[in-house]
Every structure is written in C-alpha cells, then in structure tokens.
Amino acid sequence: MKTIIITTEFIKLQDLLKFANLVESGGMAKECVQGGEVMVNGEICTMRGKKIRPGDVVVFDGQELTVAYAD
C-alpha cells in the first residue's frame, strides 16, 4: 500500500489519482472514476470529488493508496 502525504484536510479522489501518478490527466481521472474503476473503502465510487481523508483506502488499477497528514 502506498501512502500519499497531504497538507490539507482532505484531497479529492480525482486529484489523488493524478497526484499519485496513476493517471496522466484530470480528464483520464474523471473517466476512470465515473466509469466505476475506482474503489474507496471497499466500495466502487463514481464521485470524482469524493473527499479522501486519512484512513480511507483507494484501490485503482491494482494499486492501493491511503493518505496521511504531514507531520
């Protein structure tokens, strides 16, 4: 599982996919999320603006991500 460090309260799902370099563009992130290819906490999520906070687990294209606050 890869941990992404954030300095804000949350990160939007589509931004997380871009930040983690799992997609090449925001448009690609939008298509993947709305196409049902992304799971958040074990459930398919089609909301690209879903707020991802520490403790949430995102699975996309065989990759598992979580986020954590910067110390």
Protein backbone atom coordinates (compact mmCIF):
# COMPACT_ATOMS: atom_id res chain seq x y z
CA MET A 1 0.00 0.00 0.00
CA LYS A 2 1.32 3.41 -0.98
CA THR A 3 0.80 6.32 1.40
CA ILE A 4 0.29 9.80 -0.04
CA ILE A 5 1.13 12.69 2.30
CA ILE A 6 -1.28 15.63 2.24
CA THR A 7 -1.07 19.03 3.93
CA THR A 8 -4.79 19.83 3.69
CA GLU A 9 -7.84 18.40 5.46
CA PHE A 10 -8.67 16.16 2.50
CA ILE A 11 -7.86 15.51 -1.16
CA LYS A 12 -10.45 14.93 -3.86
CA LEU A 13 -10.44 11.47 -5.39
CA GLN A 14 -9.59 12.62 -8.91
CA ASP A 15 -6.75 14.78 -7.57
CA LEU A 16 -5.37 11.85 -5.58
CA LEU A 17 -5.20 9.71 -8.72
CA LYS A 18 -3.31 12.48 -10.53
CA PHE A 19 -1.02 13.24 -7.57
CA ALA A 20 -0.11 9.55 -7.23
CA ASN A 21 0.72 9.42 -10.97
CA LEU A 22 -1.85 6.69 -11.60
CA VAL A 23 -3.45 8.69 -14.43
CA GLU A 24 -1.96 11.13 -16.90
CA SER A 25 -4.59 13.86 -16.72
CA GLY A 26 -7.64 15.14 -14.91
CA GLY A 27 -9.78 14.02 -17.84
CA MET A 28 -8.47 10.49 -17.56
CA ALA A 29 -9.11 10.54 -13.79
CA LYS A 30 -12.69 11.69 -14.42
CA GLU A 31 -13.30 8.88 -16.93
CA CYS A 32 -11.86 6.22 -14.63
CA VAL A 33 -13.85 7.33 -11.60
CA GLN A 34 -17.13 7.82 -13.44
CA GLY A 35 -16.58 4.50 -15.22
CA GLY A 36 -16.61 2.66 -11.89
CA GLU A 37 -12.95 1.65 -11.99
CA VAL A 38 -12.07 3.05 -8.54
CA MET A 39 -12.92 1.64 -5.13
CA VAL A 40 -12.93 3.65 -1.90
CA ASN A 41 -13.05 1.71 1.35
CA GLY A 42 -14.14 -1.46 -0.45
CA GLU A 43 -16.95 0.09 -2.50
CA ILE A 44 -17.00 1.32 -6.09
CA CYS A 45 -17.04 5.12 -6.07
CA THR A 46 -18.20 7.17 -9.05
CA MET A 47 -17.92 10.58 -7.35
CA ARG A 48 -14.74 12.20 -8.64
CA GLY A 49 -15.00 14.93 -5.99
CA LYS A 50 -15.19 12.42 -3.12
CA LYS A 51 -13.17 13.73 -0.19
CA ILE A 52 -10.41 11.30 0.73
CA ARG A 53 -9.13 11.63 4.29
CA PRO A 54 -6.50 9.75 6.31
CA GLY A 55 -7.71 6.22 6.95
CA ASP A 56 -9.52 5.90 3.61
CA VAL A 57 -8.24 3.21 1.25
CA VAL A 58 -8.41 3.78 -2.51
CA VAL A 59 -7.87 0.94 -4.99
CA PHE A 60 -7.30 1.61 -8.68
CA ASP A 61 -5.61 -0.46 -11.38
CA GLY A 62 -4.18 -2.93 -8.86
CA GLN A 63 -2.70 -0.15 -6.69
CA GLU A 64 -3.76 0.50 -3.09
CA LEU A 65 -3.44 4.05 -1.76
CA THR A 66 -4.08 5.72 1.54
CA VAL A 67 -3.44 9.27 2.68
CA ALA A 68 -1.78 10.66 5.79
CA TYR A 69 -1.26 14.14 7.14
CA ALA A 70 2.20 15.65 7.00
CA ASP A 71 3.81 15.78 10.45
